[in-house]
Amino acid sequence: MKNVIVLGAAGNIAKFAEEYLAQQGDVKLTLYLRHPDKLKTGEAKLGTIVQGDVLDETTLVSALQGQDIVYANLAGTDIKQQAETIIKAMDQVGVKRLIWISSIGIYDEVPGKFGEWNNKMLGETYLPTYAAAVKAIEDSDLDYTVLRPAWLSNKDEVSYELTQKGEPFKGTEVSRKSIGELVAKLVGSPEKHLHESLGVNKPNTAGDKPAWYQK
């Protein structure tokens, strides 16, 4: 049995991941989030709920006891501090495996006009902050996998390809459902993609911006 804790369990990607993980017969879920009321009744039944903020180190350390895998689906201007608190808490408890959702553009890896558009849309604060969080994870002793999704859609599909850190990012979009499925695959085979930062996009979606973005 794998004990998996989801940090930010009410997130839109996390909800897909939790559905996939619940289908794996050897996974026991803990859903860690600030506002449990954001979970629908069916979602709340997928795992044990722990109400807490990841910056509350005492609560986080307690929730991490007995866990095998940490999946973090977090956001915010304090994302670097969140990452540092998680690293410290995982080290304290002795949990090594981390799956971390980040953003494209943190390595300036998005080429061409789409890269220019992405940088403009995400601004001068967002990307450096998310890059700093990932650097803290990469500099840690954790067995991490970082996922850098393209612009996210709500399409009911699973279709994605991967690029490694140091490779140009491909495509402009990917579905949240695809990322959720990939997270579940990583939990199912936790020995894969260790110490890797993976770009994730839907194949054949190259362009100056996501096709569905009209602004």
N, C-alpha and C. Protein backbone atom coordinates (compact mmCIF):
# COMPACT_ATOMS: atom_id res chain seq x y z
N MET A 1 0.84 -1.20 0.00
CA MET A 1 0.00 0.00 0.00
C MET A 1 0.88 1.25 0.00
N LYS A 2 0.59 2.19 -0.93
CA LYS A 2 1.31 3.46 -0.96
C LYS A 2 0.45 4.51 -0.27
N ASN A 3 1.03 5.20 0.68
CA ASN A 3 0.37 6.32 1.33
C ASN A 3 0.77 7.60 0.61
N VAL A 4 -0.21 8.29 0.03
CA VAL A 4 0.04 9.47 -0.79
C VAL A 4 -0.70 10.66 -0.21
N ILE A 5 0.00 11.75 0.05
CA ILE A 5 -0.63 12.97 0.53
C ILE A 5 -0.66 14.00 -0.59
N VAL A 6 -1.81 14.61 -0.77
CA VAL A 6 -2.00 15.64 -1.80
C VAL A 6 -2.06 16.99 -1.11
N LEU A 7 -1.09 17.84 -1.38
CA LEU A 7 -1.07 19.19 -0.81
C LEU A 7 -1.75 20.14 -1.79
N GLY A 8 -2.79 20.81 -1.32
CA GLY A 8 -3.61 21.61 -2.23
C GLY A 8 -4.64 20.74 -2.92
N ALA A 9 -5.32 19.93 -2.13
CA ALA A 9 -6.16 18.85 -2.67
C ALA A 9 -7.41 19.33 -3.39
N ALA A 10 -7.75 20.61 -3.27
CA ALA A 10 -8.94 21.12 -3.96
C ALA A 10 -8.59 21.73 -5.31
N GLY A 11 -7.33 21.70 -5.69
CA GLY A 11 -6.92 22.26 -6.98
C GLY A 11 -7.54 21.52 -8.15
N ASN A 12 -7.68 22.21 -9.27
CA ASN A 12 -8.36 21.63 -10.44
C ASN A 12 -7.59 20.45 -11.03
N ILE A 13 -6.27 20.52 -11.03
CA ILE A 13 -5.48 19.37 -11.49
C ILE A 13 -5.55 18.26 -10.44
N ALA A 14 -5.43 18.64 -9.18
CA ALA A 14 -5.42 17.65 -8.10
C ALA A 14 -6.67 16.79 -8.11
N LYS A 15 -7.81 17.39 -8.43
CA LYS A 15 -9.06 16.62 -8.41
C LYS A 15 -9.04 15.50 -9.45
N PHE A 16 -8.45 15.78 -10.61
CA PHE A 16 -8.31 14.72 -11.62
C PHE A 16 -7.34 13.65 -11.12
N ALA A 17 -6.22 14.10 -10.55
CA ALA A 17 -5.23 13.14 -10.05
C ALA A 17 -5.83 12.25 -8.98
N GLU A 18 -6.61 12.84 -8.10
CA GLU A 18 -7.21 12.07 -7.01
C GLU A 18 -8.17 11.01 -7.54
N GLU A 19 -8.92 11.35 -8.58
CA GLU A 19 -9.83 10.37 -9.18
C GLU A 19 -9.05 9.19 -9.75
N TYR A 20 -7.97 9.49 -10.46
CA TYR A 20 -7.14 8.42 -11.01
C TYR A 20 -6.48 7.60 -9.90
N LEU A 21 -5.99 8.28 -8.88
CA LEU A 21 -5.30 7.57 -7.79
C LEU A 21 -6.26 6.68 -7.01
N ALA A 22 -7.50 7.12 -6.88
CA ALA A 22 -8.48 6.33 -6.15
C ALA A 22 -8.78 5.01 -6.86
N GLN A 23 -8.49 4.98 -8.17
CA GLN A 23 -8.73 3.76 -8.95
C GLN A 23 -7.58 2.76 -8.80
N GLN A 24 -6.46 3.23 -8.25
CA GLN A 24 -5.33 2.33 -8.02
C GLN A 24 -5.55 1.61 -6.69
N GLY A 25 -5.61 0.32 -6.74
CA GLY A 25 -5.98 -0.45 -5.57
C GLY A 25 -4.97 -0.40 -4.42
N ASP A 26 -3.77 0.10 -4.69
CA ASP A 26 -2.73 0.08 -3.65
C ASP A 26 -2.39 1.47 -3.15
N VAL A 27 -3.31 2.43 -3.30
CA VAL A 27 -3.06 3.82 -2.88
C VAL A 27 -4.04 4.23 -1.78
N LYS A 28 -3.51 4.80 -0.72
CA LYS A 28 -4.33 5.39 0.34
C LYS A 28 -4.05 6.89 0.35
N LEU A 29 -5.10 7.69 0.14
CA LEU A 29 -4.94 9.12 -0.04
C LEU A 29 -5.19 9.90 1.25
N THR A 30 -4.37 10.94 1.42
CA THR A 30 -4.63 11.98 2.42
C THR A 30 -4.77 13.30 1.67
N LEU A 31 -5.87 13.99 1.92
CA LEU A 31 -6.16 15.24 1.22
C LEU A 31 -5.90 16.40 2.17
N TYR A 32 -4.84 17.16 1.89
CA TYR A 32 -4.40 18.25 2.75
C TYR A 32 -4.77 19.57 2.08
N LEU A 33 -5.56 20.41 2.75
CA LEU A 33 -5.99 21.66 2.14
C LEU A 33 -6.50 22.62 3.21
N ARG A 34 -6.52 23.89 2.85
CA ARG A 34 -6.95 24.91 3.80
C ARG A 34 -8.46 24.95 3.96
N HIS A 35 -9.19 24.66 2.88
CA HIS A 35 -10.64 24.81 2.90
C HIS A 35 -11.32 23.52 2.45
N PRO A 36 -11.54 22.58 3.35
CA PRO A 36 -12.16 21.31 2.98
C PRO A 36 -13.54 21.46 2.34
N ASP A 37 -14.23 22.57 2.62
CA ASP A 37 -15.56 22.78 2.04
C ASP A 37 -15.51 22.93 0.53
N LYS A 38 -14.32 23.12 -0.04
CA LYS A 38 -14.19 23.22 -1.49
C LYS A 38 -14.29 21.86 -2.17
N LEU A 39 -14.22 20.79 -1.38
CA LEU A 39 -14.34 19.45 -1.94
C LEU A 39 -15.81 19.05 -2.00
N LYS A 40 -16.22 18.52 -3.14
CA LYS A 40 -17.57 17.97 -3.24
C LYS A 40 -17.64 16.69 -2.41
N THR A 41 -18.86 16.25 -2.14
CA THR A 41 -19.05 15.08 -1.26
C THR A 41 -18.29 13.86 -1.77
N GLY A 42 -18.39 13.59 -3.07
CA GLY A 42 -17.69 12.44 -3.64
C GLY A 42 -16.19 12.57 -3.56
N GLU A 43 -15.69 13.80 -3.75
CA GLU A 43 -14.25 14.03 -3.69
C GLU A 43 -13.73 13.85 -2.27
N ALA A 44 -14.51 14.31 -1.30
CA ALA A 44 -14.09 14.22 0.10
C ALA A 44 -13.98 12.78 0.58
N LYS A 45 -14.71 11.88 -0.09
CA LYS A 45 -14.69 10.47 0.31
C LYS A 45 -13.49 9.70 -0.26
N LEU A 46 -12.69 10.37 -1.09
CA LEU A 46 -11.57 9.68 -1.73
C LEU A 46 -10.39 9.47 -0.79
N GLY A 47 -10.35 10.21 0.31
CA GLY A 47 -9.22 10.07 1.21
C GLY A 47 -9.49 10.70 2.56
N THR A 48 -8.51 10.61 3.45
CA THR A 48 -8.58 11.24 4.76
C THR A 48 -8.29 12.72 4.62
N ILE A 49 -9.16 13.56 5.15
CA ILE A 49 -9.00 15.01 5.01
C ILE A 49 -8.23 15.58 6.20
N VAL A 50 -7.23 16.40 5.88
CA VAL A 50 -6.50 17.15 6.91
C VAL A 50 -6.58 18.62 6.54
N GLN A 51 -7.15 19.43 7.41
CA GLN A 51 -7.24 20.86 7.17
C GLN A 51 -5.95 21.52 7.65
N GLY A 52 -5.29 22.23 6.73
CA GLY A 52 -4.06 22.88 7.13
C GLY A 52 -3.44 23.67 5.99
N ASP A 53 -2.56 24.57 6.35
CA ASP A 53 -1.79 25.37 5.40
C ASP A 53 -0.39 24.76 5.34
N VAL A 54 0.19 24.68 4.14
CA VAL A 54 1.53 24.08 4.05
C VAL A 54 2.57 24.92 4.78
N LEU A 55 2.28 26.19 5.03
CA LEU A 55 3.21 27.03 5.77
C LEU A 55 3.13 26.79 7.28
N ASP A 56 2.12 26.03 7.72
CA ASP A 56 2.01 25.64 9.12
C ASP A 56 2.83 24.35 9.28
N GLU A 57 4.08 24.53 9.63
CA GLU A 57 5.01 23.41 9.62
C GLU A 57 4.61 22.31 10.61
N THR A 58 4.08 22.68 11.75
CA THR A 58 3.69 21.69 12.75
C THR A 58 2.59 20.78 12.22
N THR A 59 1.56 21.37 11.63
CA THR A 59 0.46 20.59 11.07
C THR A 59 0.94 19.75 9.90
N LEU A 60 1.80 20.33 9.06
CA LEU A 60 2.31 19.61 7.90
C LEU A 60 3.15 18.41 8.31
N VAL A 61 4.04 18.59 9.27
CA VAL A 61 4.88 17.49 9.75
C VAL A 61 4.01 16.35 10.28
N SER A 62 2.98 16.70 11.01
CA SER A 62 2.07 15.69 11.54
C SER A 62 1.38 14.92 10.42
N ALA A 63 0.94 15.65 9.38
CA ALA A 63 0.24 15.02 8.25
C ALA A 63 1.17 14.14 7.42
N LEU A 64 2.46 14.47 7.41
CA LEU A 64 3.42 13.71 6.60
C LEU A 64 3.85 12.40 7.25
N GLN A 65 3.52 12.22 8.52
CA GLN A 65 3.91 10.98 9.20
C GLN A 65 3.29 9.77 8.49
N GLY A 66 4.14 8.82 8.13
CA GLY A 66 3.67 7.60 7.50
C GLY A 66 3.41 7.70 6.01
N GLN A 67 3.64 8.87 5.42
CA GLN A 67 3.41 9.02 3.98
C GLN A 67 4.60 8.49 3.18
N ASP A 68 4.32 8.01 1.98
CA ASP A 68 5.36 7.53 1.07
C ASP A 68 5.65 8.52 -0.05
N ILE A 69 4.62 9.22 -0.51
CA ILE A 69 4.74 10.13 -1.65
C ILE A 69 3.99 11.42 -1.35
N VAL A 70 4.61 12.54 -1.66
CA VAL A 70 3.99 13.85 -1.52
C VAL A 70 3.74 14.42 -2.92
N TYR A 71 2.50 14.76 -3.18
CA TYR A 71 2.14 15.41 -4.45
C TYR A 71 1.66 16.82 -4.11
N ALA A 72 2.37 17.83 -4.58
CA ALA A 72 2.07 19.22 -4.25
C ALA A 72 1.47 19.94 -5.45
N ASN A 73 0.27 20.45 -5.24
CA ASN A 73 -0.48 21.15 -6.29
C ASN A 73 -0.82 22.54 -5.74
N LEU A 74 0.20 23.41 -5.70
CA LEU A 74 0.10 24.66 -4.96
C LEU A 74 0.32 25.88 -5.85
N ALA A 75 -0.03 27.04 -5.32
CA ALA A 75 0.13 28.28 -6.06
C ALA A 75 0.28 29.42 -5.07
N GLY A 76 0.63 30.61 -5.59
CA GLY A 76 0.70 31.79 -4.74
C GLY A 76 2.01 32.52 -4.84
N THR A 77 2.00 33.76 -4.41
CA THR A 77 3.21 34.58 -4.45
C THR A 77 4.25 34.08 -3.46
N ASP A 78 3.82 33.28 -2.48
CA ASP A 78 4.74 32.73 -1.48
C ASP A 78 5.13 31.29 -1.81
N ILE A 79 5.11 30.94 -3.11
CA ILE A 79 5.35 29.54 -3.51
C ILE A 79 6.76 29.08 -3.12
N LYS A 80 7.74 29.97 -3.15
CA LYS A 80 9.09 29.59 -2.73
C LYS A 80 9.10 29.23 -1.25
N GLN A 81 8.44 30.01 -0.43
CA GLN A 81 8.36 29.71 1.00
C GLN A 81 7.61 28.40 1.24
N GLN A 82 6.56 28.17 0.44
CA GLN A 82 5.83 26.90 0.55
C GLN A 82 6.77 25.72 0.25
N ALA A 83 7.54 25.86 -0.84
CA ALA A 83 8.47 24.79 -1.22
C ALA A 83 9.50 24.54 -0.12
N GLU A 84 10.04 25.60 0.44
CA GLU A 84 11.06 25.46 1.49
C GLU A 84 10.50 24.81 2.74
N THR A 85 9.25 25.14 3.07
CA THR A 85 8.61 24.54 4.24
C THR A 85 8.35 23.05 4.02
N ILE A 86 7.92 22.71 2.82
CA ILE A 86 7.67 21.31 2.49
C ILE A 86 8.97 20.50 2.53
N ILE A 87 10.03 21.05 1.94
CA ILE A 87 11.33 20.37 1.97
C ILE A 87 11.78 20.11 3.40
N LYS A 88 11.67 21.14 4.23
CA LYS A 88 12.09 21.02 5.64
C LYS A 88 11.26 19.96 6.36
N ALA A 89 9.94 19.99 6.13
CA ALA A 89 9.06 19.03 6.80
C ALA A 89 9.31 17.61 6.31
N MET A 90 9.51 17.44 5.00
CA MET A 90 9.79 16.10 4.46
C MET A 90 11.11 15.56 5.00
N ASP A 91 12.10 16.42 5.08
CA ASP A 91 13.39 15.99 5.64
C ASP A 91 13.24 15.58 7.10
N GLN A 92 12.42 16.33 7.84
CA GLN A 92 12.23 16.05 9.26
C GLN A 92 11.56 14.69 9.46
N VAL A 93 10.61 14.36 8.60
CA VAL A 93 9.85 13.11 8.74
C VAL A 93 10.57 11.95 8.06
N GLY A 94 11.37 12.26 7.03
CA GLY A 94 12.08 11.21 6.31
C GLY A 94 11.36 10.73 5.06
N VAL A 95 10.46 11.56 4.53
CA VAL A 95 9.78 11.24 3.27
C VAL A 95 10.61 11.83 2.13
N LYS A 96 10.84 11.05 1.07
CA LYS A 96 11.75 11.49 0.01
C LYS A 96 11.05 11.84 -1.31
N ARG A 97 9.96 11.16 -1.64
CA ARG A 97 9.39 11.27 -2.99
C ARG A 97 8.43 12.45 -3.08
N LEU A 98 8.72 13.37 -4.00
CA LEU A 98 7.91 14.58 -4.20
C LEU A 98 7.56 14.74 -5.67
N ILE A 99 6.29 14.97 -5.94
CA ILE A 99 5.82 15.36 -7.28
C ILE A 99 5.32 16.79 -7.16
N TRP A 100 5.89 17.68 -7.95
CA TRP A 100 5.66 19.13 -7.79
C TRP A 100 5.16 19.73 -9.10
N ILE A 101 4.03 20.41 -9.06
CA ILE A 101 3.49 21.09 -10.23
C ILE A 101 4.04 22.51 -10.27
N SER A 102 4.66 22.89 -11.38
CA SER A 102 5.21 24.25 -11.53
C SER A 102 4.61 24.92 -12.76
N SER A 103 5.43 25.59 -13.53
CA SER A 103 4.95 26.38 -14.67
C SER A 103 5.96 26.31 -15.81
N ILE A 104 5.45 26.42 -17.03
CA ILE A 104 6.39 26.57 -18.14
C ILE A 104 7.02 27.97 -18.07
N GLY A 105 8.22 28.06 -18.60
CA GLY A 105 8.90 29.35 -18.67
C GLY A 105 9.87 29.61 -17.55
N ILE A 106 9.96 28.71 -16.56
CA ILE A 106 10.82 28.98 -15.40
C ILE A 106 12.30 28.90 -15.77
N TYR A 107 12.63 28.22 -16.86
CA TYR A 107 14.02 28.15 -17.33
C TYR A 107 14.21 28.98 -18.60
N ASP A 108 13.23 29.78 -18.96
CA ASP A 108 13.24 30.49 -20.24
C ASP A 108 13.38 29.49 -21.39
N GLU A 109 12.62 28.39 -21.27
CA GLU A 109 12.75 27.27 -22.19
C GLU A 109 11.71 27.28 -23.30
N VAL A 110 10.84 28.30 -23.30
CA VAL A 110 9.75 28.33 -24.29
C VAL A 110 10.20 29.19 -25.48
N PRO A 111 10.37 28.59 -26.66
CA PRO A 111 10.95 29.33 -27.79
C PRO A 111 9.93 30.19 -28.54
N GLY A 112 10.47 31.08 -29.36
CA GLY A 112 9.67 31.79 -30.35
C GLY A 112 8.65 32.77 -29.79
N LYS A 113 7.65 33.05 -30.62
CA LYS A 113 6.61 34.02 -30.25
C LYS A 113 5.77 33.54 -29.08
N PHE A 114 5.58 32.22 -28.99
CA PHE A 114 4.83 31.71 -27.84
C PHE A 114 5.60 31.98 -26.55
N GLY A 115 6.92 31.83 -26.59
CA GLY A 115 7.73 32.13 -25.42
C GLY A 115 7.62 33.59 -25.02
N GLU A 116 7.64 34.47 -26.02
CA GLU A 116 7.50 35.90 -25.74
C GLU A 116 6.13 36.19 -25.13
N TRP A 117 5.10 35.59 -25.71
CA TRP A 117 3.73 35.78 -25.20
C TRP A 117 3.59 35.22 -23.79
N ASN A 118 4.15 34.04 -23.56
CA ASN A 118 4.09 33.41 -22.24
C ASN A 118 4.77 34.29 -21.19
N ASN A 119 5.94 34.81 -21.51
CA ASN A 119 6.65 35.68 -20.58
C ASN A 119 5.85 36.95 -20.28
N LYS A 120 5.22 37.49 -21.31
CA LYS A 120 4.43 38.70 -21.14
C LYS A 120 3.20 38.43 -20.27
N MET A 121 2.54 37.31 -20.52
CA MET A 121 1.31 36.99 -19.80
C MET A 121 1.59 36.65 -18.33
N LEU A 122 2.68 35.95 -18.07
CA LEU A 122 2.96 35.52 -16.70
C LEU A 122 3.71 36.56 -15.89
N GLY A 123 4.26 37.56 -16.58
CA GLY A 123 4.82 38.69 -15.86
C GLY A 123 6.20 38.47 -15.30
N GLU A 124 6.75 39.56 -14.75
CA GLU A 124 8.12 39.55 -14.27
C GLU A 124 8.24 39.01 -12.84
N THR A 125 7.11 38.84 -12.17
CA THR A 125 7.13 38.36 -10.79
C THR A 125 6.84 36.87 -10.71
N TYR A 126 5.84 36.42 -11.47
CA TYR A 126 5.37 35.03 -11.38
C TYR A 126 6.47 34.03 -11.70
N LEU A 127 7.09 34.17 -12.87
CA LEU A 127 8.07 33.17 -13.30
C LEU A 127 9.30 33.10 -12.39
N PRO A 128 9.91 34.24 -12.00
CA PRO A 128 11.06 34.14 -11.09
C PRO A 128 10.69 33.50 -9.75
N THR A 129 9.47 33.76 -9.27
CA THR A 129 9.04 33.19 -8.00
C THR A 129 8.89 31.68 -8.10
N TYR A 130 8.27 31.23 -9.19
CA TYR A 130 8.09 29.79 -9.39
C TYR A 130 9.43 29.11 -9.70
N ALA A 131 10.31 29.82 -10.40
CA ALA A 131 11.64 29.28 -10.67
C ALA A 131 12.43 29.11 -9.37
N ALA A 132 12.29 30.07 -8.46
CA ALA A 132 13.00 29.98 -7.19
C ALA A 132 12.51 28.80 -6.36
N ALA A 133 11.21 28.53 -6.41
CA ALA A 133 10.65 27.38 -5.70
C ALA A 133 11.24 26.08 -6.25
N VAL A 134 11.30 25.97 -7.57
CA VAL A 134 11.83 24.75 -8.19
C VAL A 134 13.32 24.61 -7.90
N LYS A 135 14.05 25.72 -7.90
CA LYS A 135 15.49 25.64 -7.59
C LYS A 135 15.70 25.10 -6.18
N ALA A 136 14.86 25.53 -5.24
CA ALA A 136 14.97 25.02 -3.88
C ALA A 136 14.76 23.51 -3.85
N ILE A 137 13.81 23.04 -4.65
CA ILE A 137 13.54 21.59 -4.72
C ILE A 137 14.70 20.86 -5.39
N GLU A 138 15.20 21.42 -6.49
CA GLU A 138 16.30 20.79 -7.21
C GLU A 138 17.58 20.75 -6.36
N ASP A 139 17.74 21.72 -5.48
CA ASP A 139 18.93 21.79 -4.62
C ASP A 139 18.78 20.92 -3.36
N SER A 140 17.59 20.36 -3.16
CA SER A 140 17.35 19.55 -1.97
C SER A 140 17.83 18.11 -2.19
N ASP A 141 17.67 17.29 -1.17
CA ASP A 141 18.04 15.88 -1.29
C ASP A 141 16.82 15.00 -1.57
N LEU A 142 15.71 15.61 -1.98
CA LEU A 142 14.49 14.87 -2.24
C LEU A 142 14.53 14.16 -3.59
N ASP A 143 13.76 13.10 -3.71
CA ASP A 143 13.57 12.40 -4.99
C ASP A 143 12.36 13.04 -5.68
N TYR A 144 12.63 14.13 -6.37
CA TYR A 144 11.55 14.96 -6.93
C TYR A 144 11.30 14.65 -8.41
N THR A 145 10.08 14.96 -8.83
CA THR A 145 9.76 15.14 -10.25
C THR A 145 8.99 16.44 -10.35
N VAL A 146 9.48 17.37 -11.13
CA VAL A 146 8.79 18.64 -11.38
C VAL A 146 8.04 18.52 -12.70
N LEU A 147 6.79 18.94 -12.72
CA LEU A 147 5.99 18.98 -13.95
C LEU A 147 5.73 20.43 -14.32
N ARG A 148 6.00 20.75 -15.58
CA ARG A 148 5.80 22.11 -16.10
C ARG A 148 4.75 22.05 -17.22
N PRO A 149 3.47 22.15 -16.86
CA PRO A 149 2.41 22.05 -17.87
C PRO A 149 2.36 23.28 -18.77
N ALA A 150 1.97 23.04 -20.02
CA ALA A 150 1.63 24.14 -20.92
C ALA A 150 0.36 24.82 -20.39
N TRP A 151 -0.16 25.78 -21.14
CA TRP A 151 -1.38 26.47 -20.71
C TRP A 151 -2.50 25.44 -20.60
N LEU A 152 -3.22 25.50 -19.49
CA LEU A 152 -4.14 24.44 -19.12
C LEU A 152 -5.54 24.65 -19.68
N SER A 153 -6.12 23.56 -20.16
CA SER A 153 -7.50 23.58 -20.64
C SER A 153 -8.34 22.60 -19.82
N ASN A 154 -9.65 22.71 -19.95
CA ASN A 154 -10.56 21.79 -19.27
C ASN A 154 -11.10 20.72 -20.21
N LYS A 155 -10.40 20.48 -21.32
CA LYS A 155 -10.85 19.48 -22.28
C LYS A 155 -10.86 18.08 -21.64
N ASP A 156 -11.87 17.33 -21.99
CA ASP A 156 -12.01 15.98 -21.47
C ASP A 156 -11.20 15.03 -22.33
N GLU A 157 -9.88 15.07 -22.14
CA GLU A 157 -8.98 14.26 -22.95
C GLU A 157 -7.69 14.02 -22.19
N VAL A 158 -7.02 12.94 -22.56
CA VAL A 158 -5.67 12.67 -22.06
C VAL A 158 -4.77 12.53 -23.26
N SER A 159 -3.95 13.54 -23.48
CA SER A 159 -3.04 13.58 -24.62
C SER A 159 -1.87 14.49 -24.26
N TYR A 160 -0.68 13.90 -24.15
CA TYR A 160 0.47 14.72 -23.78
C TYR A 160 1.77 14.07 -24.22
N GLU A 161 2.79 14.91 -24.33
CA GLU A 161 4.16 14.48 -24.57
C GLU A 161 5.06 15.23 -23.61
N LEU A 162 6.28 14.74 -23.44
CA LEU A 162 7.19 15.27 -22.43
C LEU A 162 8.45 15.84 -23.06
N THR A 163 8.97 16.90 -22.44
CA THR A 163 10.30 17.40 -22.76
C THR A 163 11.08 17.51 -21.45
N GLN A 164 12.38 17.35 -21.57
CA GLN A 164 13.24 17.42 -20.40
C GLN A 164 13.77 18.84 -20.18
N LYS A 165 14.21 19.11 -18.98
CA LYS A 165 14.90 20.36 -18.69
C LYS A 165 16.09 20.48 -19.64
N GLY A 166 16.26 21.64 -20.23
CA GLY A 166 17.34 21.86 -21.18
C GLY A 166 16.89 21.71 -22.62
N GLU A 167 15.69 21.14 -22.84
CA GLU A 167 15.13 21.02 -24.18
C GLU A 167 14.10 22.11 -24.41
N PRO A 168 13.96 22.59 -25.65
CA PRO A 168 12.91 23.57 -25.93
C PRO A 168 11.53 22.99 -25.64
N PHE A 169 10.68 23.79 -25.05
CA PHE A 169 9.31 23.36 -24.76
C PHE A 169 8.54 23.21 -26.06
N LYS A 170 7.66 22.21 -26.12
CA LYS A 170 6.82 21.99 -27.30
C LYS A 170 5.38 22.34 -26.99
N GLY A 171 4.65 22.78 -28.02
CA GLY A 171 3.21 22.97 -27.86
C GLY A 171 2.84 24.15 -26.98
N THR A 172 1.54 24.44 -26.95
CA THR A 172 1.05 25.60 -26.23
C THR A 172 0.04 25.27 -25.15
N GLU A 173 -0.56 24.08 -25.19
CA GLU A 173 -1.62 23.77 -24.23
C GLU A 173 -1.58 22.30 -23.84
N VAL A 174 -2.33 21.99 -22.78
CA VAL A 174 -2.50 20.61 -22.32
C VAL A 174 -3.70 20.61 -21.38
N SER A 175 -4.40 19.51 -21.29
CA SER A 175 -5.57 19.44 -20.42
C SER A 175 -5.17 19.15 -18.98
N ARG A 176 -5.96 19.69 -18.06
CA ARG A 176 -5.74 19.37 -16.65
C ARG A 176 -5.88 17.87 -16.40
N LYS A 177 -6.79 17.26 -17.13
CA LYS A 177 -6.99 15.81 -16.99
C LYS A 177 -5.72 15.05 -17.36
N SER A 178 -4.99 15.53 -18.37
CA SER A 178 -3.73 14.90 -18.77
C SER A 178 -2.71 14.96 -17.65
N ILE A 179 -2.61 16.12 -17.00
CA ILE A 179 -1.64 16.27 -15.91
C ILE A 179 -2.02 15.37 -14.74
N GLY A 180 -3.32 15.29 -14.45
CA GLY A 180 -3.77 14.40 -13.39
C GLY A 180 -3.43 12.95 -13.66
N GLU A 181 -3.58 12.53 -14.92
CA GLU A 181 -3.25 11.17 -15.29
C GLU A 181 -1.76 10.91 -15.16
N LEU A 182 -0.94 11.90 -15.54
CA LEU A 182 0.51 11.76 -15.44
C LEU A 182 0.94 11.66 -13.98
N VAL A 183 0.34 12.47 -13.11
CA VAL A 183 0.65 12.37 -11.69
C VAL A 183 0.35 10.97 -11.17
N ALA A 184 -0.80 10.42 -11.56
CA ALA A 184 -1.16 9.07 -11.12
C ALA A 184 -0.17 8.03 -11.64
N LYS A 185 0.31 8.21 -12.87
CA LYS A 185 1.32 7.31 -13.41
C LYS A 185 2.61 7.36 -12.60
N LEU A 186 3.00 8.56 -12.20
CA LEU A 186 4.22 8.71 -11.40
C LEU A 186 4.06 8.04 -10.04
N VAL A 187 2.88 8.14 -9.47
CA VAL A 187 2.62 7.46 -8.20
C VAL A 187 2.66 5.95 -8.41
N GLY A 188 2.11 5.49 -9.54
CA GLY A 188 2.10 4.07 -9.83
C GLY A 188 3.49 3.49 -10.07
N SER A 189 4.39 4.33 -10.60
CA SER A 189 5.78 3.92 -10.84
C SER A 189 6.70 4.99 -10.26
N PRO A 190 6.79 5.06 -8.94
CA PRO A 190 7.51 6.17 -8.29
C PRO A 190 9.01 6.18 -8.55
N GLU A 191 9.53 5.09 -9.11
CA GLU A 191 10.96 5.05 -9.40
C GLU A 191 11.31 5.73 -10.72
N LYS A 192 10.29 6.14 -11.48
CA LYS A 192 10.53 6.76 -12.79
C LYS A 192 10.63 8.28 -12.67
N HIS A 193 11.42 8.87 -13.56
CA HIS A 193 11.57 10.33 -13.69
C HIS A 193 12.07 10.98 -12.40
N LEU A 194 12.93 10.29 -11.68
CA LEU A 194 13.52 10.88 -10.48
C LEU A 194 14.50 11.99 -10.87
N HIS A 195 14.46 13.07 -10.12
CA HIS A 195 15.35 14.22 -10.32
C HIS A 195 15.23 14.76 -11.76
N GLU A 196 14.01 14.79 -12.26
CA GLU A 196 13.74 15.32 -13.59
C GLU A 196 12.70 16.44 -13.52
N SER A 197 12.84 17.39 -14.43
CA SER A 197 11.87 18.47 -14.58
C SER A 197 11.28 18.34 -15.98
N LEU A 198 10.00 17.98 -16.05
CA LEU A 198 9.38 17.59 -17.30
C LEU A 198 8.41 18.66 -17.81
N GLY A 199 8.64 19.13 -19.03
CA GLY A 199 7.64 19.93 -19.71
C GLY A 199 6.55 19.01 -20.23
N VAL A 200 5.28 19.45 -20.13
CA VAL A 200 4.16 18.61 -20.53
C VAL A 200 3.23 19.40 -21.45
N ASN A 201 3.04 18.90 -22.65
CA ASN A 201 2.16 19.59 -23.60
C ASN A 201 1.38 18.59 -24.44
N LYS A 202 0.28 19.04 -25.01
CA LYS A 202 -0.46 18.23 -25.97
C LYS A 202 0.28 18.28 -27.30
N PRO A 203 0.49 17.14 -27.95
CA PRO A 203 1.18 17.13 -29.25
C PRO A 203 0.42 17.96 -30.30
N ASN A 204 1.18 18.50 -31.21
CA ASN A 204 0.62 19.22 -32.37
C ASN A 204 -0.20 20.44 -31.97
N THR A 205 0.27 21.15 -30.95
CA THR A 205 -0.41 22.39 -30.55
C THR A 205 0.54 23.58 -30.61
N ALA A 206 1.55 23.50 -31.45
CA ALA A 206 2.48 24.62 -31.59
C ALA A 206 1.74 25.84 -32.14
N GLY A 207 2.21 27.01 -31.74
CA GLY A 207 1.59 28.25 -32.22
C GLY A 207 2.11 29.42 -31.43
N ASP A 208 1.56 30.60 -31.73
CA ASP A 208 1.98 31.81 -31.03
C ASP A 208 1.34 31.92 -29.65
N LYS A 209 0.22 31.22 -29.46
CA LYS A 209 -0.49 31.18 -28.18
C LYS A 209 -1.47 30.01 -28.24
N PRO A 210 -2.05 29.61 -27.11
CA PRO A 210 -3.05 28.52 -27.16
C PRO A 210 -4.18 28.87 -28.12
N ALA A 211 -4.65 27.89 -28.87
CA ALA A 211 -5.69 28.14 -29.89
C ALA A 211 -6.97 28.67 -29.27
N TRP A 212 -7.23 28.31 -28.02
CA TRP A 212 -8.49 28.70 -27.38
C TRP A 212 -8.40 30.08 -26.73
N TYR A 213 -7.21 30.66 -26.70
CA TYR A 213 -7.03 31.96 -26.03
C TYR A 213 -7.36 33.08 -27.02
N GLN A 214 -8.39 33.85 -26.72
CA GLN A 214 -8.89 34.84 -27.69
C GLN A 214 -8.49 36.27 -27.35
N LYS A 215 -8.04 36.52 -26.12
CA LYS A 215 -7.77 37.91 -25.72
C LYS A 215 -6.54 38.45 -26.43
